[in-house]
Amino acid sequence: MSKHIAITLTAPSHWAGYLMNGDTSGLSAADIAACDRWRARENVPLPVSCEDAGFHRFHDACAFADAADCQDYTFLIPAFVA
């Protein structure tokens, strides 16, 4: 039996199209690479939802992106229970 744990991380809004739908239009190769490095560091799958979080100077992806208008992205992480 498996359950999921929902976690929420805040990251730039301009990544939403790519994270939610795989749409790279409007993103530079550097933006795509930064988003991919951030997801790899956080070890999260693609998000299941996002919600406006406003402008943040410091956010969960600030090592990969400057201050930005952000989204709170929700990820479902499998949690296996016996």
N, C-alpha and C. Protein backbone atom coordinates (compact mmCIF):
# COMPACT_ATOMS: atom_id res chain seq x y z
N MET A 1 0.85 -1.18 0.00
CA MET A 1 0.00 0.00 0.00
C MET A 1 0.89 1.24 0.00
N SER A 2 0.54 2.20 -0.80
CA SER A 2 1.34 3.41 -0.83
C SER A 2 0.47 4.63 -0.60
N LYS A 3 1.05 5.62 0.00
CA LYS A 3 0.41 6.91 0.21
C LYS A 3 1.33 7.96 -0.39
N HIS A 4 0.84 9.16 -0.43
CA HIS A 4 1.66 10.27 -0.92
C HIS A 4 1.71 11.36 0.13
N ILE A 5 2.83 12.02 0.17
CA ILE A 5 3.02 13.17 1.02
C ILE A 5 3.05 14.38 0.10
N ALA A 6 2.24 15.38 0.41
CA ALA A 6 2.22 16.61 -0.39
C ALA A 6 3.22 17.59 0.22
N ILE A 7 4.11 18.10 -0.62
CA ILE A 7 5.03 19.15 -0.18
C ILE A 7 4.85 20.34 -1.11
N THR A 8 5.07 21.51 -0.57
CA THR A 8 4.93 22.74 -1.36
C THR A 8 6.25 23.50 -1.34
N LEU A 9 6.70 23.87 -2.52
CA LEU A 9 7.93 24.65 -2.67
C LEU A 9 7.61 25.89 -3.50
N THR A 10 8.27 26.98 -3.19
CA THR A 10 8.05 28.24 -3.89
C THR A 10 9.17 28.47 -4.90
N ALA A 11 8.77 28.78 -6.13
CA ALA A 11 9.73 29.00 -7.21
C ALA A 11 9.11 29.98 -8.21
N PRO A 12 9.93 30.50 -9.13
CA PRO A 12 9.45 31.52 -10.08
C PRO A 12 8.22 31.10 -10.89
N SER A 13 7.33 32.07 -11.06
CA SER A 13 6.11 31.85 -11.86
C SER A 13 6.42 31.56 -13.32
N HIS A 14 7.51 32.16 -13.85
CA HIS A 14 7.78 31.95 -15.28
C HIS A 14 8.20 30.52 -15.59
N TRP A 15 8.41 29.70 -14.57
CA TRP A 15 8.68 28.27 -14.77
C TRP A 15 7.40 27.44 -14.85
N ALA A 16 6.25 28.02 -14.52
CA ALA A 16 5.00 27.26 -14.39
C ALA A 16 4.62 26.50 -15.66
N GLY A 17 4.69 27.15 -16.80
CA GLY A 17 4.32 26.48 -18.05
C GLY A 17 5.17 25.25 -18.31
N TYR A 18 6.45 25.36 -18.00
CA TYR A 18 7.38 24.25 -18.20
C TYR A 18 7.12 23.15 -17.17
N LEU A 19 6.99 23.53 -15.91
CA LEU A 19 6.78 22.53 -14.86
C LEU A 19 5.44 21.82 -14.98
N MET A 20 4.40 22.57 -15.28
CA MET A 20 3.05 22.00 -15.30
C MET A 20 2.71 21.32 -16.62
N ASN A 21 3.22 21.84 -17.74
CA ASN A 21 2.80 21.35 -19.06
C ASN A 21 3.93 20.99 -20.01
N GLY A 22 5.18 21.16 -19.57
CA GLY A 22 6.30 20.87 -20.45
C GLY A 22 6.48 21.90 -21.55
N ASP A 23 5.86 23.07 -21.40
CA ASP A 23 5.91 24.13 -22.41
C ASP A 23 7.14 25.01 -22.18
N THR A 24 8.07 24.96 -23.10
CA THR A 24 9.32 25.72 -22.96
C THR A 24 9.26 27.08 -23.66
N SER A 25 8.14 27.41 -24.30
CA SER A 25 8.07 28.68 -25.02
C SER A 25 8.25 29.84 -24.04
N GLY A 26 9.06 30.79 -24.43
CA GLY A 26 9.34 31.95 -23.60
C GLY A 26 10.47 31.75 -22.61
N LEU A 27 10.99 30.55 -22.50
CA LEU A 27 12.11 30.29 -21.59
C LEU A 27 13.40 30.14 -22.38
N SER A 28 14.46 30.66 -21.81
CA SER A 28 15.78 30.47 -22.41
C SER A 28 16.30 29.09 -22.02
N ALA A 29 17.33 28.66 -22.71
CA ALA A 29 17.96 27.39 -22.36
C ALA A 29 18.51 27.44 -20.94
N ALA A 30 18.98 28.61 -20.52
CA ALA A 30 19.50 28.77 -19.16
C ALA A 30 18.38 28.63 -18.13
N ASP A 31 17.19 29.18 -18.42
CA ASP A 31 16.04 29.04 -17.52
C ASP A 31 15.64 27.57 -17.37
N ILE A 32 15.59 26.87 -18.47
CA ILE A 32 15.20 25.46 -18.46
C ILE A 32 16.22 24.65 -17.65
N ALA A 33 17.50 24.91 -17.88
CA ALA A 33 18.55 24.20 -17.16
C ALA A 33 18.48 24.51 -15.66
N ALA A 34 18.22 25.76 -15.30
CA ALA A 34 18.13 26.14 -13.89
C ALA A 34 16.95 25.43 -13.22
N CYS A 35 15.83 25.39 -13.89
CA CYS A 35 14.65 24.71 -13.35
C CYS A 35 14.93 23.22 -13.18
N ASP A 36 15.55 22.61 -14.17
CA ASP A 36 15.88 21.18 -14.09
C ASP A 36 16.86 20.90 -12.95
N ARG A 37 17.85 21.77 -12.76
CA ARG A 37 18.82 21.58 -11.66
C ARG A 37 18.13 21.72 -10.31
N TRP A 38 17.21 22.68 -10.21
CA TRP A 38 16.46 22.87 -8.97
C TRP A 38 15.62 21.64 -8.63
N ARG A 39 14.88 21.12 -9.62
CA ARG A 39 14.07 19.91 -9.38
C ARG A 39 14.94 18.73 -9.00
N ALA A 40 16.09 18.60 -9.63
CA ALA A 40 17.00 17.50 -9.30
C ALA A 40 17.52 17.65 -7.87
N ARG A 41 17.87 18.88 -7.48
CA ARG A 41 18.37 19.10 -6.12
C ARG A 41 17.28 18.78 -5.09
N GLU A 42 16.05 19.18 -5.39
CA GLU A 42 14.94 18.94 -4.47
C GLU A 42 14.43 17.49 -4.54
N ASN A 43 14.81 16.79 -5.60
CA ASN A 43 14.40 15.40 -5.81
C ASN A 43 12.88 15.27 -5.80
N VAL A 44 12.22 16.09 -6.62
CA VAL A 44 10.76 16.08 -6.70
C VAL A 44 10.31 15.73 -8.12
N PRO A 45 9.13 15.11 -8.24
CA PRO A 45 8.57 14.87 -9.57
C PRO A 45 7.98 16.16 -10.11
N LEU A 46 7.25 16.09 -11.19
CA LEU A 46 6.56 17.27 -11.69
C LEU A 46 5.45 17.64 -10.71
N PRO A 47 5.16 18.93 -10.57
CA PRO A 47 4.13 19.34 -9.62
C PRO A 47 2.73 18.96 -10.10
N VAL A 48 1.81 18.85 -9.15
CA VAL A 48 0.42 18.54 -9.49
C VAL A 48 -0.44 19.80 -9.51
N SER A 49 0.04 20.89 -8.89
CA SER A 49 -0.70 22.14 -8.92
C SER A 49 0.23 23.29 -8.56
N CYS A 50 -0.25 24.50 -8.81
CA CYS A 50 0.48 25.69 -8.40
C CYS A 50 -0.51 26.79 -8.09
N GLU A 51 -0.06 27.71 -7.24
CA GLU A 51 -0.91 28.81 -6.80
C GLU A 51 -0.05 30.04 -6.62
N ASP A 52 -0.59 31.19 -6.98
CA ASP A 52 0.17 32.44 -6.90
C ASP A 52 0.68 32.67 -5.48
N ALA A 53 1.97 33.00 -5.38
CA ALA A 53 2.60 33.26 -4.08
C ALA A 53 3.10 34.70 -3.97
N GLY A 54 2.96 35.48 -5.03
CA GLY A 54 3.44 36.86 -5.00
C GLY A 54 4.93 36.97 -5.27
N PHE A 55 5.44 38.18 -5.11
CA PHE A 55 6.86 38.43 -5.36
C PHE A 55 7.69 38.01 -4.15
N HIS A 56 8.78 37.27 -4.42
CA HIS A 56 9.68 36.82 -3.35
C HIS A 56 11.12 37.13 -3.72
N ARG A 57 11.80 37.78 -2.82
CA ARG A 57 13.25 37.99 -2.98
C ARG A 57 13.97 36.68 -2.72
N PHE A 58 13.53 35.97 -1.69
CA PHE A 58 14.10 34.67 -1.34
C PHE A 58 13.00 33.63 -1.47
N HIS A 59 13.28 32.58 -2.23
CA HIS A 59 12.33 31.49 -2.44
C HIS A 59 13.11 30.19 -2.46
N ASP A 60 12.42 29.07 -2.61
CA ASP A 60 13.09 27.77 -2.53
C ASP A 60 14.05 27.51 -3.69
N ALA A 61 13.94 28.28 -4.74
CA ALA A 61 14.84 28.10 -5.89
C ALA A 61 15.81 29.27 -6.04
N CYS A 62 16.03 30.04 -4.98
CA CYS A 62 16.85 31.25 -5.12
C CYS A 62 18.32 30.94 -5.45
N ALA A 63 18.76 29.72 -5.26
CA ALA A 63 20.11 29.35 -5.68
C ALA A 63 20.21 29.23 -7.21
N PHE A 64 19.04 29.16 -7.86
CA PHE A 64 18.99 28.96 -9.31
C PHE A 64 18.32 30.10 -10.07
N ALA A 65 17.62 30.97 -9.35
CA ALA A 65 16.88 32.07 -10.00
C ALA A 65 16.84 33.28 -9.08
N ASP A 66 16.84 34.47 -9.68
CA ASP A 66 16.79 35.71 -8.92
C ASP A 66 15.41 35.92 -8.31
N ALA A 67 15.28 36.99 -7.56
CA ALA A 67 13.99 37.39 -7.02
C ALA A 67 12.97 37.43 -8.16
N ALA A 68 11.74 36.99 -7.88
CA ALA A 68 10.75 36.90 -8.95
C ALA A 68 9.34 36.80 -8.40
N ASP A 69 8.38 37.04 -9.29
CA ASP A 69 7.01 36.70 -8.99
C ASP A 69 6.99 35.17 -8.92
N CYS A 70 6.36 34.61 -7.89
CA CYS A 70 6.48 33.17 -7.65
C CYS A 70 5.14 32.45 -7.56
N GLN A 71 5.25 31.15 -7.64
CA GLN A 71 4.14 30.23 -7.42
C GLN A 71 4.52 29.30 -6.27
N ASP A 72 3.51 28.84 -5.54
CA ASP A 72 3.69 27.73 -4.62
C ASP A 72 3.34 26.48 -5.40
N TYR A 73 4.33 25.64 -5.67
CA TYR A 73 4.13 24.41 -6.42
C TYR A 73 3.94 23.26 -5.45
N THR A 74 2.91 22.45 -5.68
CA THR A 74 2.65 21.28 -4.82
C THR A 74 3.08 20.02 -5.54
N PHE A 75 3.87 19.23 -4.84
CA PHE A 75 4.41 17.96 -5.36
C PHE A 75 3.89 16.82 -4.50
N LEU A 76 3.56 15.68 -5.13
CA LEU A 76 3.18 14.49 -4.39
C LEU A 76 4.33 13.51 -4.39
N ILE A 77 4.82 13.23 -3.20
CA ILE A 77 5.97 12.34 -3.02
C ILE A 77 5.46 10.99 -2.50
N PRO A 78 5.76 9.89 -3.17
CA PRO A 78 5.32 8.59 -2.66
C PRO A 78 5.91 8.28 -1.29
N ALA A 79 5.07 7.81 -0.41
CA ALA A 79 5.50 7.38 0.93
C ALA A 79 4.99 5.97 1.12
N PHE A 80 5.89 5.02 1.21
CA PHE A 80 5.49 3.63 1.32
C PHE A 80 5.35 3.23 2.78
N VAL A 81 4.21 2.64 3.09
CA VAL A 81 3.96 2.17 4.45
C VAL A 81 3.65 0.69 4.42
N ALA A 82 4.07 0.01 5.45
CA ALA A 82 3.86 -1.45 5.52
C ALA A 82 2.49 -1.77 6.01
